Amino acid sequence: MQRRIIPGLNAALGCVLLLSVAAVLPAASWNTQLVVPLAQALKNAPQKYTFVSIDPPGGYCTDVTGMTDLRLATVVYSHDAECQTTDTALWLGGQFYPLLNDPYPANPNVSLADINNWATVFGNYGDSNTQHAAELQVATGRLTTLPDITGMPYNWGQRISDTGIGVG
């Protein structure tokens, strides 16, 4: 029987294994007993990559910032060649989709940059002087602004987990 190694699956299983075993192994030993052999196995796994160009029509300074397991991606890009403003779109299978309730153009810098597997997009919007953290439910278009931190003009949403926990 020939075994086939799927790099993405191995990485996911490795993370689950690491999280479940780390609690029972002493801190000094889990690195050498688990992480080093796992890293070596992944390093030796056959790799196949497909490079895809993701450029929104009329967009500049494109940055793919998040992707779900189903390959729905968030794309932050600019409408102007000087990249002074940013906006966010979704990309799936070569097609771009505007976000419902997109706070652009009223807010010239929209960076709803991360997406989880429940299609909750998380990031920030505003202008060059003030940014507000927010999440957007793709299915409903519901945009929720998080409370700003008092005295802090830049409130950035960075990442969101599948359970809805956001950090920024």
N, C-alpha and C. Protein backbone atom coordinates (compact mmCIF):
# COMPACT_ATOMS: atom_id res chain seq x y z
N MET A 1 0.85 -1.18 0.00
CA MET A 1 0.00 0.00 0.00
C MET A 1 0.89 1.24 0.00
N GLN A 2 0.62 2.15 -0.92
CA GLN A 2 1.40 3.38 -1.00
C GLN A 2 0.67 4.48 -0.24
N ARG A 3 1.41 5.19 0.62
CA ARG A 3 0.82 6.29 1.37
C ARG A 3 1.02 7.58 0.62
N ARG A 4 -0.01 8.39 0.58
CA ARG A 4 0.09 9.69 -0.07
C ARG A 4 -0.03 10.76 1.00
N ILE A 5 0.86 11.70 1.00
CA ILE A 5 0.87 12.75 2.00
C ILE A 5 0.27 14.01 1.39
N ILE A 6 -0.72 14.56 2.04
CA ILE A 6 -1.33 15.81 1.61
C ILE A 6 -0.84 16.89 2.55
N PRO A 7 0.02 17.82 2.07
CA PRO A 7 0.66 18.81 2.95
C PRO A 7 -0.31 19.60 3.81
N GLY A 8 -1.39 20.13 3.24
CA GLY A 8 -2.32 20.95 4.02
C GLY A 8 -2.99 20.15 5.13
N LEU A 9 -3.38 18.92 4.80
CA LEU A 9 -4.01 18.06 5.79
C LEU A 9 -3.02 17.70 6.89
N ASN A 10 -1.79 17.38 6.50
CA ASN A 10 -0.78 17.06 7.51
C ASN A 10 -0.53 18.23 8.44
N ALA A 11 -0.49 19.43 7.90
CA ALA A 11 -0.27 20.61 8.74
C ALA A 11 -1.42 20.78 9.72
N ALA A 12 -2.65 20.59 9.24
CA ALA A 12 -3.81 20.72 10.13
C ALA A 12 -3.80 19.64 11.21
N LEU A 13 -3.52 18.40 10.81
CA LEU A 13 -3.47 17.32 11.79
C LEU A 13 -2.33 17.54 12.77
N GLY A 14 -1.22 18.05 12.28
CA GLY A 14 -0.09 18.33 13.15
C GLY A 14 -0.44 19.36 14.20
N CYS A 15 -1.19 20.39 13.82
CA CYS A 15 -1.60 21.41 14.79
C CYS A 15 -2.53 20.82 15.83
N VAL A 16 -3.47 20.00 15.39
CA VAL A 16 -4.38 19.37 16.35
C VAL A 16 -3.61 18.46 17.29
N LEU A 17 -2.70 17.68 16.74
CA LEU A 17 -1.89 16.78 17.56
C LEU A 17 -1.04 17.57 18.54
N LEU A 18 -0.43 18.63 18.06
CA LEU A 18 0.40 19.46 18.92
C LEU A 18 -0.42 20.04 20.07
N LEU A 19 -1.61 20.54 19.78
CA LEU A 19 -2.44 21.13 20.82
C LEU A 19 -2.90 20.09 21.82
N SER A 20 -3.21 18.89 21.36
CA SER A 20 -3.72 17.88 22.29
C SER A 20 -2.62 17.23 23.11
N VAL A 21 -1.41 17.13 22.58
CA VAL A 21 -0.33 16.45 23.28
C VAL A 21 0.47 17.42 24.15
N ALA A 22 0.50 18.69 23.79
CA ALA A 22 1.31 19.66 24.52
C ALA A 22 0.95 19.73 26.00
N ALA A 23 -0.29 19.46 26.33
CA ALA A 23 -0.71 19.54 27.73
C ALA A 23 -0.18 18.39 28.57
N VAL A 24 0.16 17.24 27.96
CA VAL A 24 0.60 16.09 28.73
C VAL A 24 2.12 15.89 28.72
N LEU A 25 2.83 16.50 27.80
CA LEU A 25 4.27 16.37 27.76
C LEU A 25 4.93 17.52 28.50
N PRO A 26 6.03 17.26 29.20
CA PRO A 26 6.76 18.36 29.84
C PRO A 26 7.23 19.36 28.80
N ALA A 27 7.26 20.63 29.17
CA ALA A 27 7.57 21.70 28.22
C ALA A 27 8.87 21.47 27.48
N ALA A 28 9.91 20.96 28.13
CA ALA A 28 11.20 20.79 27.48
C ALA A 28 11.18 19.64 26.47
N SER A 29 10.34 18.63 26.68
CA SER A 29 10.41 17.46 25.81
C SER A 29 9.47 17.53 24.61
N TRP A 30 8.38 18.28 24.68
CA TRP A 30 7.45 18.23 23.56
C TRP A 30 8.05 18.82 22.30
N ASN A 31 9.01 19.73 22.42
CA ASN A 31 9.63 20.29 21.23
C ASN A 31 10.44 19.23 20.49
N THR A 32 11.26 18.47 21.20
CA THR A 32 12.11 17.47 20.53
C THR A 32 11.34 16.20 20.20
N GLN A 33 10.36 15.82 21.01
CA GLN A 33 9.63 14.58 20.77
C GLN A 33 8.54 14.72 19.72
N LEU A 34 8.00 15.92 19.54
CA LEU A 34 6.86 16.07 18.65
C LEU A 34 7.11 17.07 17.52
N VAL A 35 7.50 18.26 17.86
CA VAL A 35 7.60 19.32 16.86
C VAL A 35 8.70 19.06 15.85
N VAL A 36 9.88 18.68 16.30
CA VAL A 36 11.00 18.47 15.37
C VAL A 36 10.69 17.33 14.39
N PRO A 37 10.25 16.13 14.83
CA PRO A 37 9.92 15.09 13.84
C PRO A 37 8.76 15.49 12.92
N LEU A 38 7.78 16.22 13.44
CA LEU A 38 6.66 16.67 12.61
C LEU A 38 7.15 17.64 11.54
N ALA A 39 7.99 18.58 11.91
CA ALA A 39 8.54 19.54 10.95
C ALA A 39 9.37 18.83 9.88
N GLN A 40 10.15 17.82 10.28
CA GLN A 40 10.96 17.09 9.31
C GLN A 40 10.07 16.31 8.34
N ALA A 41 9.02 15.70 8.83
CA ALA A 41 8.10 14.96 7.97
C ALA A 41 7.42 15.89 6.97
N LEU A 42 6.99 17.05 7.43
CA LEU A 42 6.34 18.00 6.53
C LEU A 42 7.32 18.56 5.51
N LYS A 43 8.56 18.76 5.92
CA LYS A 43 9.59 19.28 5.03
C LYS A 43 9.85 18.30 3.88
N ASN A 44 9.78 17.01 4.16
CA ASN A 44 10.05 15.99 3.15
C ASN A 44 8.83 15.62 2.31
N ALA A 45 7.67 16.16 2.65
CA ALA A 45 6.44 15.84 1.91
C ALA A 45 6.49 16.49 0.53
N PRO A 46 5.95 15.79 -0.48
CA PRO A 46 5.94 16.40 -1.82
C PRO A 46 5.05 17.65 -1.82
N GLN A 47 5.52 18.68 -2.49
CA GLN A 47 4.80 19.95 -2.52
C GLN A 47 4.33 20.24 -3.94
N LYS A 48 3.09 20.68 -4.08
CA LYS A 48 2.55 21.12 -5.35
C LYS A 48 1.89 22.47 -5.11
N TYR A 49 2.22 23.43 -5.93
CA TYR A 49 1.66 24.77 -5.78
C TYR A 49 1.04 25.21 -7.09
N THR A 50 -0.04 25.94 -6.98
CA THR A 50 -0.65 26.59 -8.13
C THR A 50 -0.69 28.07 -7.83
N PHE A 51 -0.07 28.86 -8.67
CA PHE A 51 -0.06 30.30 -8.47
C PHE A 51 -1.21 30.92 -9.25
N VAL A 52 -1.98 31.75 -8.58
CA VAL A 52 -3.15 32.37 -9.17
C VAL A 52 -3.01 33.88 -9.03
N SER A 53 -3.24 34.59 -10.11
CA SER A 53 -3.21 36.05 -10.07
C SER A 53 -4.59 36.55 -9.61
N ILE A 54 -4.60 37.35 -8.57
CA ILE A 54 -5.86 37.87 -8.02
C ILE A 54 -5.76 39.40 -8.05
N ASP A 55 -6.29 39.99 -9.11
CA ASP A 55 -6.25 41.43 -9.28
C ASP A 55 -7.64 41.94 -9.62
N PRO A 56 -8.26 42.68 -8.72
CA PRO A 56 -9.59 43.20 -9.03
C PRO A 56 -9.54 44.19 -10.20
N PRO A 57 -10.56 44.21 -11.03
CA PRO A 57 -10.59 45.15 -12.15
C PRO A 57 -10.46 46.59 -11.64
N GLY A 58 -9.52 47.33 -12.21
CA GLY A 58 -9.33 48.72 -11.80
C GLY A 58 -8.68 48.87 -10.44
N GLY A 59 -8.14 47.78 -9.88
CA GLY A 59 -7.54 47.84 -8.55
C GLY A 59 -6.03 47.96 -8.60
N TYR A 60 -5.47 48.54 -7.56
CA TYR A 60 -4.03 48.70 -7.41
C TYR A 60 -3.62 48.21 -6.03
N CYS A 61 -2.35 47.90 -5.87
CA CYS A 61 -1.81 47.52 -4.54
C CYS A 61 -2.62 46.40 -3.90
N THR A 62 -2.88 45.35 -4.64
CA THR A 62 -3.73 44.26 -4.18
C THR A 62 -3.03 43.40 -3.14
N ASP A 63 -3.78 43.02 -2.10
CA ASP A 63 -3.26 42.17 -1.04
C ASP A 63 -4.33 41.17 -0.64
N VAL A 64 -4.09 39.88 -0.87
CA VAL A 64 -5.01 38.84 -0.41
C VAL A 64 -4.68 38.60 1.06
N THR A 65 -5.65 38.85 1.93
CA THR A 65 -5.36 38.89 3.36
C THR A 65 -5.99 37.78 4.18
N GLY A 66 -6.94 37.07 3.64
CA GLY A 66 -7.56 35.97 4.38
C GLY A 66 -8.21 35.00 3.41
N MET A 67 -8.37 33.73 3.87
CA MET A 67 -9.00 32.73 3.02
C MET A 67 -9.64 31.65 3.88
N THR A 68 -10.82 31.22 3.47
CA THR A 68 -11.52 30.15 4.17
C THR A 68 -11.07 28.80 3.61
N ASP A 69 -11.52 27.73 4.26
CA ASP A 69 -11.23 26.39 3.77
C ASP A 69 -11.83 26.14 2.39
N LEU A 70 -12.88 26.88 2.04
CA LEU A 70 -13.53 26.73 0.73
C LEU A 70 -12.94 27.67 -0.31
N ARG A 71 -11.82 28.34 0.03
CA ARG A 71 -11.08 29.23 -0.86
C ARG A 71 -11.82 30.53 -1.18
N LEU A 72 -12.68 30.97 -0.27
CA LEU A 72 -13.26 32.31 -0.36
C LEU A 72 -12.27 33.25 0.28
N ALA A 73 -11.78 34.21 -0.48
CA ALA A 73 -10.69 35.07 0.00
C ALA A 73 -11.14 36.51 0.17
N THR A 74 -10.50 37.20 1.11
CA THR A 74 -10.67 38.65 1.23
C THR A 74 -9.50 39.30 0.50
N VAL A 75 -9.81 40.33 -0.28
CA VAL A 75 -8.82 41.02 -1.07
C VAL A 75 -8.90 42.51 -0.75
N VAL A 76 -7.83 43.06 -0.20
CA VAL A 76 -7.76 44.49 0.08
C VAL A 76 -6.98 45.12 -1.08
N TYR A 77 -7.54 46.19 -1.64
CA TYR A 77 -6.93 46.83 -2.79
C TYR A 77 -7.24 48.32 -2.78
N SER A 78 -6.62 49.05 -3.68
CA SER A 78 -6.84 50.48 -3.77
C SER A 78 -7.55 50.82 -5.08
N HIS A 79 -8.34 51.90 -5.05
CA HIS A 79 -9.01 52.38 -6.26
C HIS A 79 -8.11 53.34 -7.05
N ASP A 80 -7.03 53.82 -6.41
CA ASP A 80 -6.17 54.80 -7.07
C ASP A 80 -4.74 54.27 -7.16
N ALA A 81 -4.04 54.69 -8.20
CA ALA A 81 -2.68 54.20 -8.46
C ALA A 81 -1.69 54.59 -7.37
N GLU A 82 -1.98 55.65 -6.62
CA GLU A 82 -1.10 56.07 -5.53
C GLU A 82 -1.36 55.27 -4.25
N CYS A 83 -2.39 54.45 -4.28
CA CYS A 83 -2.76 53.58 -3.15
C CYS A 83 -3.04 54.38 -1.88
N GLN A 84 -3.74 55.50 -2.03
CA GLN A 84 -4.08 56.35 -0.90
C GLN A 84 -5.37 55.91 -0.21
N THR A 85 -6.19 55.11 -0.90
CA THR A 85 -7.43 54.60 -0.32
C THR A 85 -7.42 53.09 -0.45
N THR A 86 -8.16 52.42 0.42
CA THR A 86 -8.27 50.96 0.32
C THR A 86 -9.72 50.54 0.40
N ASP A 87 -10.02 49.42 -0.20
CA ASP A 87 -11.34 48.83 -0.16
C ASP A 87 -11.15 47.32 -0.08
N THR A 88 -12.22 46.59 0.19
CA THR A 88 -12.15 45.14 0.32
C THR A 88 -13.21 44.50 -0.56
N ALA A 89 -12.84 43.40 -1.20
CA ALA A 89 -13.78 42.59 -1.98
C ALA A 89 -13.56 41.14 -1.60
N LEU A 90 -14.51 40.30 -1.95
CA LEU A 90 -14.35 38.86 -1.80
C LEU A 90 -13.98 38.28 -3.16
N TRP A 91 -13.21 37.21 -3.15
CA TRP A 91 -12.81 36.53 -4.36
C TRP A 91 -13.08 35.04 -4.19
N LEU A 92 -13.68 34.44 -5.21
CA LEU A 92 -13.94 33.00 -5.19
C LEU A 92 -13.90 32.49 -6.63
N GLY A 93 -13.00 31.57 -6.89
CA GLY A 93 -12.94 30.92 -8.19
C GLY A 93 -12.75 31.87 -9.36
N GLY A 94 -11.99 32.92 -9.17
CA GLY A 94 -11.71 33.86 -10.25
C GLY A 94 -12.69 35.01 -10.36
N GLN A 95 -13.71 35.04 -9.52
CA GLN A 95 -14.71 36.10 -9.56
C GLN A 95 -14.60 36.99 -8.33
N PHE A 96 -14.80 38.29 -8.52
CA PHE A 96 -14.80 39.24 -7.42
C PHE A 96 -16.23 39.60 -7.06
N TYR A 97 -16.47 39.74 -5.76
CA TYR A 97 -17.79 40.08 -5.27
C TYR A 97 -17.67 41.24 -4.29
N PRO A 98 -18.45 42.31 -4.53
CA PRO A 98 -18.41 43.43 -3.58
C PRO A 98 -19.04 43.01 -2.26
N LEU A 99 -18.61 43.63 -1.19
CA LEU A 99 -19.19 43.35 0.12
C LEU A 99 -20.50 44.11 0.29
N LEU A 100 -21.50 43.46 0.83
CA LEU A 100 -22.74 44.15 1.17
C LEU A 100 -22.47 45.10 2.32
N ASN A 101 -23.07 46.26 2.31
CA ASN A 101 -22.88 47.27 3.37
C ASN A 101 -21.43 47.70 3.50
N ASP A 102 -20.71 47.68 2.40
CA ASP A 102 -19.32 48.11 2.39
C ASP A 102 -19.26 49.59 2.80
N PRO A 103 -18.50 49.93 3.86
CA PRO A 103 -18.47 51.32 4.31
C PRO A 103 -17.67 52.25 3.40
N TYR A 104 -17.11 51.76 2.29
CA TYR A 104 -16.45 52.59 1.30
C TYR A 104 -17.52 53.11 0.35
N PRO A 105 -17.55 54.30 -0.18
CA PRO A 105 -16.52 55.32 -0.20
C PRO A 105 -16.65 56.36 0.91
N ALA A 106 -17.68 56.27 1.75
CA ALA A 106 -17.79 57.25 2.84
C ALA A 106 -16.56 57.21 3.74
N ASN A 107 -15.95 56.05 3.84
CA ASN A 107 -14.71 55.87 4.59
C ASN A 107 -13.64 55.45 3.59
N PRO A 108 -12.65 56.30 3.34
CA PRO A 108 -11.70 56.01 2.27
C PRO A 108 -10.75 54.84 2.51
N ASN A 109 -10.65 54.35 3.73
CA ASN A 109 -9.76 53.23 4.00
C ASN A 109 -10.54 52.10 4.67
N VAL A 110 -10.90 51.11 3.87
CA VAL A 110 -11.63 49.94 4.36
C VAL A 110 -10.71 48.74 4.20
N SER A 111 -10.40 48.10 5.31
CA SER A 111 -9.54 46.92 5.29
C SER A 111 -10.20 45.83 6.14
N LEU A 112 -11.28 45.25 5.58
CA LEU A 112 -11.93 44.12 6.25
C LEU A 112 -11.16 42.89 5.78
N ALA A 113 -10.04 42.66 6.45
CA ALA A 113 -8.98 41.83 5.89
C ALA A 113 -9.01 40.36 6.23
N ASP A 114 -9.68 39.94 7.28
CA ASP A 114 -9.65 38.52 7.61
C ASP A 114 -11.05 37.95 7.45
N ILE A 115 -11.13 36.65 7.19
CA ILE A 115 -12.41 35.97 7.04
C ILE A 115 -12.30 34.60 7.69
N ASN A 116 -13.36 34.19 8.38
CA ASN A 116 -13.35 32.85 8.97
C ASN A 116 -14.21 31.91 8.14
N ASN A 117 -14.29 30.65 8.54
CA ASN A 117 -15.04 29.66 7.77
C ASN A 117 -16.55 29.85 7.83
N TRP A 118 -17.04 30.76 8.66
CA TRP A 118 -18.46 31.08 8.74
C TRP A 118 -18.77 32.33 7.91
N ALA A 119 -17.78 32.78 7.13
CA ALA A 119 -17.90 33.97 6.27
C ALA A 119 -18.20 35.23 7.07
N THR A 120 -17.52 35.35 8.21
CA THR A 120 -17.50 36.61 8.95
C THR A 120 -16.20 37.30 8.60
N VAL A 121 -16.32 38.50 8.05
CA VAL A 121 -15.15 39.28 7.65
C VAL A 121 -14.85 40.26 8.78
N PHE A 122 -13.57 40.41 9.12
CA PHE A 122 -13.16 41.21 10.27
C PHE A 122 -12.04 42.15 9.87
N GLY A 123 -12.11 43.38 10.33
CA GLY A 123 -11.05 44.33 10.01
C GLY A 123 -11.37 45.71 10.55
N ASN A 124 -11.12 46.71 9.72
CA ASN A 124 -11.32 48.08 10.17
C ASN A 124 -11.66 48.99 8.99
N TYR A 125 -12.20 50.17 9.32
CA TYR A 125 -12.52 51.16 8.30
C TYR A 125 -12.41 52.54 8.92
N GLY A 126 -12.30 53.54 8.07
CA GLY A 126 -12.22 54.92 8.54
C GLY A 126 -11.44 55.77 7.56
N ASP A 127 -10.78 56.80 8.09
CA ASP A 127 -9.95 57.65 7.25
C ASP A 127 -8.52 57.63 7.79
N SER A 128 -7.68 58.52 7.31
CA SER A 128 -6.27 58.49 7.73
C SER A 128 -6.07 58.92 9.18
N ASN A 129 -7.09 59.52 9.80
CA ASN A 129 -6.96 59.98 11.19
C ASN A 129 -7.63 59.06 12.21
N THR A 130 -8.59 58.26 11.77
CA THR A 130 -9.36 57.43 12.69
C THR A 130 -9.73 56.11 12.01
N GLN A 131 -9.58 55.00 12.73
CA GLN A 131 -9.99 53.69 12.24
C GLN A 131 -10.86 53.01 13.29
N HIS A 132 -11.89 52.31 12.83
CA HIS A 132 -12.83 51.61 13.72
C HIS A 132 -12.81 50.13 13.37
N ALA A 133 -12.70 49.27 14.37
CA ALA A 133 -12.76 47.82 14.16
C ALA A 133 -14.21 47.43 13.88
N ALA A 134 -14.39 46.46 12.98
CA ALA A 134 -15.74 46.04 12.61
C ALA A 134 -15.73 44.62 12.09
N GLU A 135 -16.91 44.00 12.13
CA GLU A 135 -17.09 42.69 11.50
C GLU A 135 -18.29 42.76 10.59
N LEU A 136 -18.23 41.99 9.52
CA LEU A 136 -19.30 41.97 8.54
C LEU A 136 -19.72 40.52 8.30
N GLN A 137 -20.99 40.24 8.48
CA GLN A 137 -21.54 38.92 8.17
C GLN A 137 -21.85 38.89 6.67
N VAL A 138 -21.12 38.11 5.91
CA VAL A 138 -21.26 38.10 4.47
C VAL A 138 -22.66 37.68 4.04
N ALA A 139 -23.22 36.67 4.69
CA ALA A 139 -24.52 36.14 4.28
C ALA A 139 -25.65 37.17 4.40
N THR A 140 -25.58 38.01 5.41
CA THR A 140 -26.67 38.96 5.67
C THR A 140 -26.31 40.40 5.34
N GLY A 141 -25.01 40.71 5.21
CA GLY A 141 -24.59 42.08 4.99
C GLY A 141 -24.60 42.91 6.26
N ARG A 142 -24.76 42.27 7.41
CA ARG A 142 -24.82 43.00 8.68
C ARG A 142 -23.42 43.44 9.10
N LEU A 143 -23.21 44.76 9.17
CA LEU A 143 -21.95 45.35 9.59
C LEU A 143 -22.07 45.77 11.05
N THR A 144 -21.18 45.28 11.88
CA THR A 144 -21.18 45.62 13.31
C THR A 144 -19.86 46.30 13.64
N THR A 145 -19.96 47.53 14.13
CA THR A 145 -18.77 48.26 14.55
C THR A 145 -18.50 47.96 16.01
N LEU A 146 -17.27 47.62 16.33
CA LEU A 146 -16.90 47.36 17.71
C LEU A 146 -16.64 48.70 18.42
N PRO A 147 -16.80 48.73 19.74
CA PRO A 147 -16.54 49.99 20.45
C PRO A 147 -15.06 50.37 20.34
N ASP A 148 -14.81 51.65 20.11
CA ASP A 148 -13.43 52.14 20.07
C ASP A 148 -12.84 52.14 21.46
N ILE A 149 -11.53 51.97 21.54
CA ILE A 149 -10.82 52.09 22.81
C ILE A 149 -10.64 53.58 23.08
N THR A 150 -11.08 54.03 24.24
CA THR A 150 -11.03 55.44 24.59
C THR A 150 -9.62 56.00 24.43
N GLY A 151 -9.52 57.11 23.72
CA GLY A 151 -8.24 57.78 23.53
C GLY A 151 -7.37 57.18 22.45
N MET A 152 -7.83 56.12 21.80
CA MET A 152 -7.05 55.47 20.74
C MET A 152 -7.75 55.70 19.39
N PRO A 153 -7.14 56.48 18.49
CA PRO A 153 -7.79 56.77 17.22
C PRO A 153 -7.74 55.61 16.22
N TYR A 154 -6.80 54.70 16.40
CA TYR A 154 -6.67 53.59 15.46
C TYR A 154 -7.08 52.28 16.13
N ASN A 155 -8.26 51.81 15.80
CA ASN A 155 -8.78 50.56 16.35
C ASN A 155 -8.88 49.57 15.20
N TRP A 156 -7.89 48.70 15.11
CA TRP A 156 -7.79 47.77 13.98
C TRP A 156 -8.22 46.37 14.36
N GLY A 157 -9.05 45.78 13.54
CA GLY A 157 -9.37 44.37 13.67
C GLY A 157 -8.40 43.59 12.80
N GLN A 158 -7.71 42.61 13.35
CA GLN A 158 -6.68 41.88 12.61
C GLN A 158 -7.12 40.48 12.18
N ARG A 159 -7.56 39.66 13.11
CA ARG A 159 -7.90 38.27 12.81
C ARG A 159 -9.15 37.86 13.57
N ILE A 160 -9.89 36.88 13.00
CA ILE A 160 -11.08 36.36 13.67
C ILE A 160 -11.06 34.83 13.55
N SER A 161 -11.37 34.17 14.66
CA SER A 161 -11.40 32.71 14.67
C SER A 161 -12.74 32.21 14.18
N ASP A 162 -12.84 30.90 13.95
CA ASP A 162 -14.11 30.31 13.54
C ASP A 162 -15.15 30.39 14.64
N THR A 163 -14.73 30.60 15.88
CA THR A 163 -15.69 30.74 16.98
C THR A 163 -16.09 32.20 17.18
N GLY A 164 -15.57 33.10 16.35
CA GLY A 164 -15.95 34.50 16.43
C GLY A 164 -15.12 35.36 17.34
N ILE A 165 -13.98 34.86 17.81
CA ILE A 165 -13.10 35.64 18.67
C ILE A 165 -12.17 36.45 17.76
N GLY A 166 -12.21 37.77 17.93
CA GLY A 166 -11.40 38.64 17.11
C GLY A 166 -10.26 39.25 17.92
N VAL A 167 -9.16 39.54 17.26
CA VAL A 167 -8.03 40.21 17.90
C VAL A 167 -7.63 41.39 17.03
N GLY A 168 -7.05 42.39 17.67
CA GLY A 168 -6.62 43.56 16.92
C GLY A 168 -5.82 44.48 17.78
